[in-house]
Amino acid sequence: MEALMRMVLTEANVRCHHAAFLGKPEQKICRGARNFQLQVFYTLGVLKSPIDQCWADTLTAICKPGS
């Protein structure tokens, strides 16, 4: 668990494992990992709220040309 938590904060998201149990492609990210990311970045003050829309808004603002 510690390695997974470190990975989602420093490297990349992980794919949802539930789809594989149903024989489907793993195309979505893990909700648990995303919730962990949201909470950590909120606690650090990077996000105004630990929700997906705030993540998207912050990412858009960071990735604007000239920012």
PDB file of N, CA and C in Angstrom:
ATOM      1  N   MET A   1       0.820  -1.183   0.000  1.00  0.00           N
ATOM      2  CA  MET A   1       0.000   0.000   0.000  1.00  0.00           C
ATOM      3  C   MET A   1       0.869   1.255   0.000  1.00  0.00           C
ATOM      4  N   GLU A   2       1.941   1.213   0.771  1.00  0.00           N
ATOM      5  CA  GLU A   2       2.829   2.376   0.828  1.00  0.00           C
ATOM      6  C   GLU A   2       3.438   2.672  -0.543  1.00  0.00           C
ATOM      7  N   ALA A   3       3.851   1.635  -1.258  1.00  0.00           N
ATOM      8  CA  ALA A   3       4.433   1.818  -2.589  1.00  0.00           C
ATOM      9  C   ALA A   3       3.401   2.392  -3.562  1.00  0.00           C
ATOM     10  N   LEU A   4       2.168   1.925  -3.468  1.00  0.00           N
ATOM     11  CA  LEU A   4       1.096   2.437  -4.326  1.00  0.00           C
ATOM     12  C   LEU A   4       0.842   3.906  -4.030  1.00  0.00           C
ATOM     13  N   MET A   5       0.779   4.269  -2.768  1.00  0.00           N
ATOM     14  CA  MET A   5       0.540   5.658  -2.390  1.00  0.00           C
ATOM     15  C   MET A   5       1.669   6.557  -2.892  1.00  0.00           C
ATOM     16  N   ARG A   6       2.894   6.096  -2.751  1.00  0.00           N
ATOM     17  CA  ARG A   6       4.042   6.869  -3.224  1.00  0.00           C
ATOM     18  C   ARG A   6       3.974   7.036  -4.754  1.00  0.00           C
ATOM     19  N   MET A   7       3.618   5.963  -5.458  1.00  0.00           N
ATOM     20  CA  MET A   7       3.555   6.013  -6.917  1.00  0.00           C
ATOM     21  C   MET A   7       2.509   7.009  -7.409  1.00  0.00           C
ATOM     22  N   VAL A   8       1.311   7.017  -6.822  1.00  0.00           N
ATOM     23  CA  VAL A   8       0.263   7.912  -7.321  1.00  0.00           C
ATOM     24  C   VAL A   8       0.547   9.377  -6.982  1.00  0.00           C
ATOM     25  N   LEU A   9       1.478   9.625  -6.082  1.00  0.00           N
ATOM     26  CA  LEU A   9       1.851  11.012  -5.777  1.00  0.00           C
ATOM     27  C   LEU A   9       3.067  11.482  -6.555  1.00  0.00           C
ATOM     28  N   THR A  10       3.895  10.561  -7.029  1.00  0.00           N
ATOM     29  CA  THR A  10       5.145  10.965  -7.664  1.00  0.00           C
ATOM     30  C   THR A  10       5.315  10.517  -9.107  1.00  0.00           C
ATOM     31  N   GLU A  11       4.537   9.513  -9.545  1.00  0.00           N
ATOM     32  CA  GLU A  11       4.772   8.978 -10.891  1.00  0.00           C
ATOM     33  C   GLU A  11       3.531   9.026 -11.775  1.00  0.00           C
ATOM     34  N   ALA A  12       2.550   8.203 -11.469  1.00  0.00           N
ATOM     35  CA  ALA A  12       1.385   8.083 -12.340  1.00  0.00           C
ATOM     36  C   ALA A  12       0.223   7.451 -11.588  1.00  0.00           C
ATOM     37  N   ASN A  13      -0.969   7.609 -12.158  1.00  0.00           N
ATOM     38  CA  ASN A  13      -2.141   6.938 -11.616  1.00  0.00           C
ATOM     39  C   ASN A  13      -2.080   5.450 -11.937  1.00  0.00           C
ATOM     40  N   VAL A  14      -2.881   4.685 -11.251  1.00  0.00           N
ATOM     41  CA  VAL A  14      -2.997   3.262 -11.538  1.00  0.00           C
ATOM     42  C   VAL A  14      -4.354   2.996 -12.174  1.00  0.00           C
ATOM     43  N   ARG A  15      -4.423   1.971 -12.968  1.00  0.00           N
ATOM     44  CA  ARG A  15      -5.675   1.592 -13.612  1.00  0.00           C
ATOM     45  C   ARG A  15      -6.547   0.827 -12.634  1.00  0.00           C
ATOM     46  N   CYS A  16      -7.850   0.989 -12.785  1.00  0.00           N
ATOM     47  CA  CYS A  16      -8.813   0.321 -11.926  1.00  0.00           C
ATOM     48  C   CYS A  16      -8.744  -1.190 -12.127  1.00  0.00           C
ATOM     49  N   HIS A  17      -8.645  -1.908 -11.052  1.00  0.00           N
ATOM     50  CA  HIS A  17      -8.554  -3.358 -11.127  1.00  0.00           C
ATOM     51  C   HIS A  17      -9.924  -4.031 -11.219  1.00  0.00           C
ATOM     52  N   HIS A  18     -10.992  -3.331 -10.920  1.00  0.00           N
ATOM     53  CA  HIS A  18     -12.330  -3.931 -10.950  1.00  0.00           C
ATOM     54  C   HIS A  18     -12.736  -4.369 -12.350  1.00  0.00           C
ATOM     55  N   ALA A  19     -12.341  -3.617 -13.359  1.00  0.00           N
ATOM     56  CA  ALA A  19     -12.705  -3.980 -14.731  1.00  0.00           C
ATOM     57  C   ALA A  19     -12.113  -5.332 -15.116  1.00  0.00           C
ATOM     58  N   ALA A  20     -10.879  -5.591 -14.702  1.00  0.00           N
ATOM     59  CA  ALA A  20     -10.226  -6.856 -15.037  1.00  0.00           C
ATOM     60  C   ALA A  20     -10.980  -8.045 -14.451  1.00  0.00           C
ATOM     61  N   PHE A  21     -11.575  -7.866 -13.277  1.00  0.00           N
ATOM     62  CA  PHE A  21     -12.351  -8.951 -12.668  1.00  0.00           C
ATOM     63  C   PHE A  21     -13.550  -9.327 -13.538  1.00  0.00           C
ATOM     64  N   LEU A  22     -14.036  -8.370 -14.313  1.00  0.00           N
ATOM     65  CA  LEU A  22     -15.206  -8.596 -15.165  1.00  0.00           C
ATOM     66  C   LEU A  22     -14.812  -8.895 -16.611  1.00  0.00           C
ATOM     67  N   GLY A  23     -13.513  -9.043 -16.863  1.00  0.00           N
ATOM     68  CA  GLY A  23     -13.040  -9.331 -18.202  1.00  0.00           C
ATOM     69  C   GLY A  23     -13.073  -8.139 -19.137  1.00  0.00           C
ATOM     70  N   LYS A  24     -13.115  -6.941 -18.580  1.00  0.00           N
ATOM     71  CA  LYS A  24     -13.154  -5.719 -19.393  1.00  0.00           C
ATOM     72  C   LYS A  24     -11.782  -5.047 -19.376  1.00  0.00           C
ATOM     73  N   PRO A  25     -11.515  -4.191 -20.381  1.00  0.00           N
ATOM     74  CA  PRO A  25     -10.247  -3.461 -20.378  1.00  0.00           C
ATOM     75  C   PRO A  25     -10.169  -2.498 -19.191  1.00  0.00           C
ATOM     76  N   GLU A  26      -8.985  -2.348 -18.672  1.00  0.00           N
ATOM     77  CA  GLU A  26      -8.758  -1.442 -17.542  1.00  0.00           C
ATOM     78  C   GLU A  26      -8.492  -0.046 -18.101  1.00  0.00           C
ATOM     79  N   GLN A  27      -9.548   0.729 -18.331  1.00  0.00           N
ATOM     80  CA  GLN A  27      -9.420   2.027 -18.977  1.00  0.00           C
ATOM     81  C   GLN A  27      -9.570   3.207 -18.033  1.00  0.00           C
ATOM     82  N   LYS A  28     -10.049   2.992 -16.852  1.00  0.00           N
ATOM     83  CA  LYS A  28     -10.253   4.098 -15.914  1.00  0.00           C
ATOM     84  C   LYS A  28      -9.231   4.016 -14.800  1.00  0.00           C
ATOM     85  N   ILE A  29      -8.976   5.172 -14.194  1.00  0.00           N
ATOM     86  CA  ILE A  29      -8.047   5.163 -13.077  1.00  0.00           C
ATOM     87  C   ILE A  29      -8.748   4.674 -11.814  1.00  0.00           C
ATOM     88  N   CYS A  30      -7.973   4.239 -10.875  1.00  0.00           N
ATOM     89  CA  CYS A  30      -8.481   3.721  -9.612  1.00  0.00           C
ATOM     90  C   CYS A  30      -9.109   4.858  -8.794  1.00  0.00           C
ATOM     91  N   ARG A  31     -10.351   4.693  -8.418  1.00  0.00           N
ATOM     92  CA  ARG A  31     -11.056   5.723  -7.633  1.00  0.00           C
ATOM     93  C   ARG A  31     -10.402   5.918  -6.269  1.00  0.00           C
ATOM     94  N   GLY A  32      -9.985   4.844  -5.642  1.00  0.00           N
ATOM     95  CA  GLY A  32      -9.320   4.964  -4.340  1.00  0.00           C
ATOM     96  C   GLY A  32      -8.031   5.751  -4.425  1.00  0.00           C
ATOM     97  N   ALA A  33      -7.258   5.501  -5.472  1.00  0.00           N
ATOM     98  CA  ALA A  33      -6.011   6.240  -5.663  1.00  0.00           C
ATOM     99  C   ALA A  33      -6.296   7.714  -5.930  1.00  0.00           C
ATOM    100  N   ARG A  34      -7.322   7.982  -6.745  1.00  0.00           N
ATOM    101  CA  ARG A  34      -7.681   9.380  -7.031  1.00  0.00           C
ATOM    102  C   ARG A  34      -8.122  10.092  -5.752  1.00  0.00           C
ATOM    103  N   ASN A  35      -8.938   9.446  -4.945  1.00  0.00           N
ATOM    104  CA  ASN A  35      -9.380  10.061  -3.691  1.00  0.00           C
ATOM    105  C   ASN A  35      -8.197  10.377  -2.786  1.00  0.00           C
ATOM    106  N   PHE A  36      -7.217   9.479  -2.748  1.00  0.00           N
ATOM    107  CA  PHE A  36      -6.008   9.705  -1.957  1.00  0.00           C
ATOM    108  C   PHE A  36      -5.259  10.926  -2.483  1.00  0.00           C
ATOM    109  N   GLN A  37      -5.091  11.007  -3.820  1.00  0.00           N
ATOM    110  CA  GLN A  37      -4.425  12.167  -4.422  1.00  0.00           C
ATOM    111  C   GLN A  37      -5.158  13.458  -4.077  1.00  0.00           C
ATOM    112  N   LEU A  38      -6.460  13.452  -4.239  1.00  0.00           N
ATOM    113  CA  LEU A  38      -7.254  14.654  -3.960  1.00  0.00           C
ATOM    114  C   LEU A  38      -7.051  15.118  -2.522  1.00  0.00           C
ATOM    115  N   GLN A  39      -7.092  14.186  -1.591  1.00  0.00           N
ATOM    116  CA  GLN A  39      -6.958  14.550  -0.178  1.00  0.00           C
ATOM    117  C   GLN A  39      -5.568  15.101   0.133  1.00  0.00           C
ATOM    118  N   VAL A  40      -4.547  14.469  -0.411  1.00  0.00           N
ATOM    119  CA  VAL A  40      -3.175  14.944  -0.165  1.00  0.00           C
ATOM    120  C   VAL A  40      -2.971  16.337  -0.762  1.00  0.00           C
ATOM    121  N   PHE A  41      -3.368  16.534  -2.001  1.00  0.00           N
ATOM    122  CA  PHE A  41      -3.160  17.839  -2.630  1.00  0.00           C
ATOM    123  C   PHE A  41      -4.028  18.927  -1.997  1.00  0.00           C
ATOM    124  N   TYR A  42      -5.173  18.563  -1.484  1.00  0.00           N
ATOM    125  CA  TYR A  42      -6.001  19.511  -0.737  1.00  0.00           C
ATOM    126  C   TYR A  42      -5.301  19.890   0.581  1.00  0.00           C
ATOM    127  N   THR A  43      -4.805  18.895   1.286  1.00  0.00           N
ATOM    128  CA  THR A  43      -4.116  19.133   2.558  1.00  0.00           C
ATOM    129  C   THR A  43      -2.883  20.015   2.364  1.00  0.00           C
ATOM    130  N   LEU A  44      -2.200  19.834   1.236  1.00  0.00           N
ATOM    131  CA  LEU A  44      -1.009  20.640   0.943  1.00  0.00           C
ATOM    132  C   LEU A  44      -1.348  22.043   0.447  1.00  0.00           C
ATOM    133  N   GLY A  45      -2.629  22.296   0.162  1.00  0.00           N
ATOM    134  CA  GLY A  45      -3.033  23.613  -0.297  1.00  0.00           C
ATOM    135  C   GLY A  45      -2.981  23.785  -1.810  1.00  0.00           C
ATOM    136  N   VAL A  46      -2.740  22.719  -2.530  1.00  0.00           N
ATOM    137  CA  VAL A  46      -2.694  22.777  -3.990  1.00  0.00           C
ATOM    138  C   VAL A  46      -4.111  22.888  -4.551  1.00  0.00           C
ATOM    139  N   LEU A  47      -5.055  22.200  -3.921  1.00  0.00           N
ATOM    140  CA  LEU A  47      -6.457  22.242  -4.336  1.00  0.00           C
ATOM    141  C   LEU A  47      -7.285  22.993  -3.312  1.00  0.00           C
ATOM    142  N   LYS A  48      -8.309  23.710  -3.785  1.00  0.00           N
ATOM    143  CA  LYS A  48      -9.201  24.431  -2.878  1.00  0.00           C
ATOM    144  C   LYS A  48     -10.188  23.500  -2.201  1.00  0.00           C
ATOM    145  N   SER A  49     -10.447  22.357  -2.835  1.00  0.00           N
ATOM    146  CA  SER A  49     -11.380  21.368  -2.307  1.00  0.00           C
ATOM    147  C   SER A  49     -10.965  20.001  -2.848  1.00  0.00           C
ATOM    148  N   PRO A  50     -11.125  18.923  -2.084  1.00  0.00           N
ATOM    149  CA  PRO A  50     -10.688  17.602  -2.554  1.00  0.00           C
ATOM    150  C   PRO A  50     -11.729  16.919  -3.449  1.00  0.00           C
ATOM    151  N   ILE A  51     -12.055  17.571  -4.569  1.00  0.00           N
ATOM    152  CA  ILE A  51     -13.041  17.005  -5.497  1.00  0.00           C
ATOM    153  C   ILE A  51     -12.485  17.013  -6.922  1.00  0.00           C
ATOM    154  N   ASP A  52     -13.049  16.157  -7.771  1.00  0.00           N
ATOM    155  CA  ASP A  52     -12.568  16.023  -9.144  1.00  0.00           C
ATOM    156  C   ASP A  52     -12.613  17.331  -9.923  1.00  0.00           C
ATOM    157  N   GLN A  53     -13.677  18.107  -9.773  1.00  0.00           N
ATOM    158  CA  GLN A  53     -13.789  19.347 -10.542  1.00  0.00           C
ATOM    159  C   GLN A  53     -12.679  20.324 -10.160  1.00  0.00           C
ATOM    160  N   CYS A  54     -12.338  20.375  -8.902  1.00  0.00           N
ATOM    161  CA  CYS A  54     -11.250  21.251  -8.463  1.00  0.00           C
ATOM    162  C   CYS A  54      -9.915  20.772  -9.041  1.00  0.00           C
ATOM    163  N   TRP A  55      -9.732  19.460  -9.105  1.00  0.00           N
ATOM    164  CA  TRP A  55      -8.525  18.874  -9.724  1.00  0.00           C
ATOM    165  C   TRP A  55      -8.448  19.337 -11.184  1.00  0.00           C
ATOM    166  N   ALA A  56      -9.553  19.194 -11.912  1.00  0.00           N
ATOM    167  CA  ALA A  56      -9.588  19.567 -13.330  1.00  0.00           C
ATOM    168  C   ALA A  56      -9.323  21.060 -13.518  1.00  0.00           C
ATOM    169  N   ASP A  57      -9.949  21.888 -12.694  1.00  0.00           N
ATOM    170  CA  ASP A  57      -9.763  23.332 -12.796  1.00  0.00           C
ATOM    171  C   ASP A  57      -8.314  23.728 -12.511  1.00  0.00           C
ATOM    172  N   THR A  58      -7.726  23.122 -11.503  1.00  0.00           N
ATOM    173  CA  THR A  58      -6.343  23.425 -11.138  1.00  0.00           C
ATOM    174  C   THR A  58      -5.395  22.971 -12.230  1.00  0.00           C
ATOM    175  N   LEU A  59      -5.624  21.798 -12.775  1.00  0.00           N
ATOM    176  CA  LEU A  59      -4.781  21.289 -13.866  1.00  0.00           C
ATOM    177  C   LEU A  59      -4.868  22.205 -15.082  1.00  0.00           C
ATOM    178  N   THR A  60      -6.064  22.656 -15.415  1.00  0.00           N
ATOM    179  CA  THR A  60      -6.237  23.572 -16.537  1.00  0.00           C
ATOM    180  C   THR A  60      -5.463  24.864 -16.309  1.00  0.00           C
ATOM    181  N   ALA A  61      -5.550  25.392 -15.096  1.00  0.00           N
ATOM    182  CA  ALA A  61      -4.851  26.634 -14.777  1.00  0.00           C
ATOM    183  C   ALA A  61      -3.334  26.464 -14.839  1.00  0.00           C
ATOM    184  N   ILE A  62      -2.836  25.341 -14.370  1.00  0.00           N
ATOM    185  CA  ILE A  62      -1.396  25.077 -14.365  1.00  0.00           C
ATOM    186  C   ILE A  62      -0.874  24.889 -15.782  1.00  0.00           C
ATOM    187  N   CYS A  63      -1.662  24.280 -16.628  1.00  0.00           N
ATOM    188  CA  CYS A  63      -1.210  23.924 -17.976  1.00  0.00           C
ATOM    189  C   CYS A  63      -1.474  24.992 -19.032  1.00  0.00           C
ATOM    190  N   LYS A  64      -2.003  26.144 -18.643  1.00  0.00           N
ATOM    191  CA  LYS A  64      -2.229  27.224 -19.605  1.00  0.00           C
ATOM    192  C   LYS A  64      -0.892  27.731 -20.136  1.00  0.00           C
ATOM    193  N   PRO A  65      -0.828  27.969 -21.443  1.00  0.00           N
ATOM    194  CA  PRO A  65       0.416  28.548 -22.001  1.00  0.00           C
ATOM    195  C   PRO A  65       0.725  29.883 -21.319  1.00  0.00           C
ATOM    196  N   GLY A  66       1.986  30.067 -20.994  1.00  0.00           N
ATOM    197  CA  GLY A  66       2.415  31.314 -20.363  1.00  0.00           C
ATOM    198  C   GLY A  66       2.264  31.314 -18.845  1.00  0.00           C
ATOM    199  N   SER A  67       1.789  30.210 -18.277  1.00  0.00           N
ATOM    200  CA  SER A  67       1.631  30.143 -16.814  1.00  0.00           C
ATOM    201  C   SER A  67       2.930  29.745 -16.160  1.00  0.00           C
TER     202      SER A  67
END
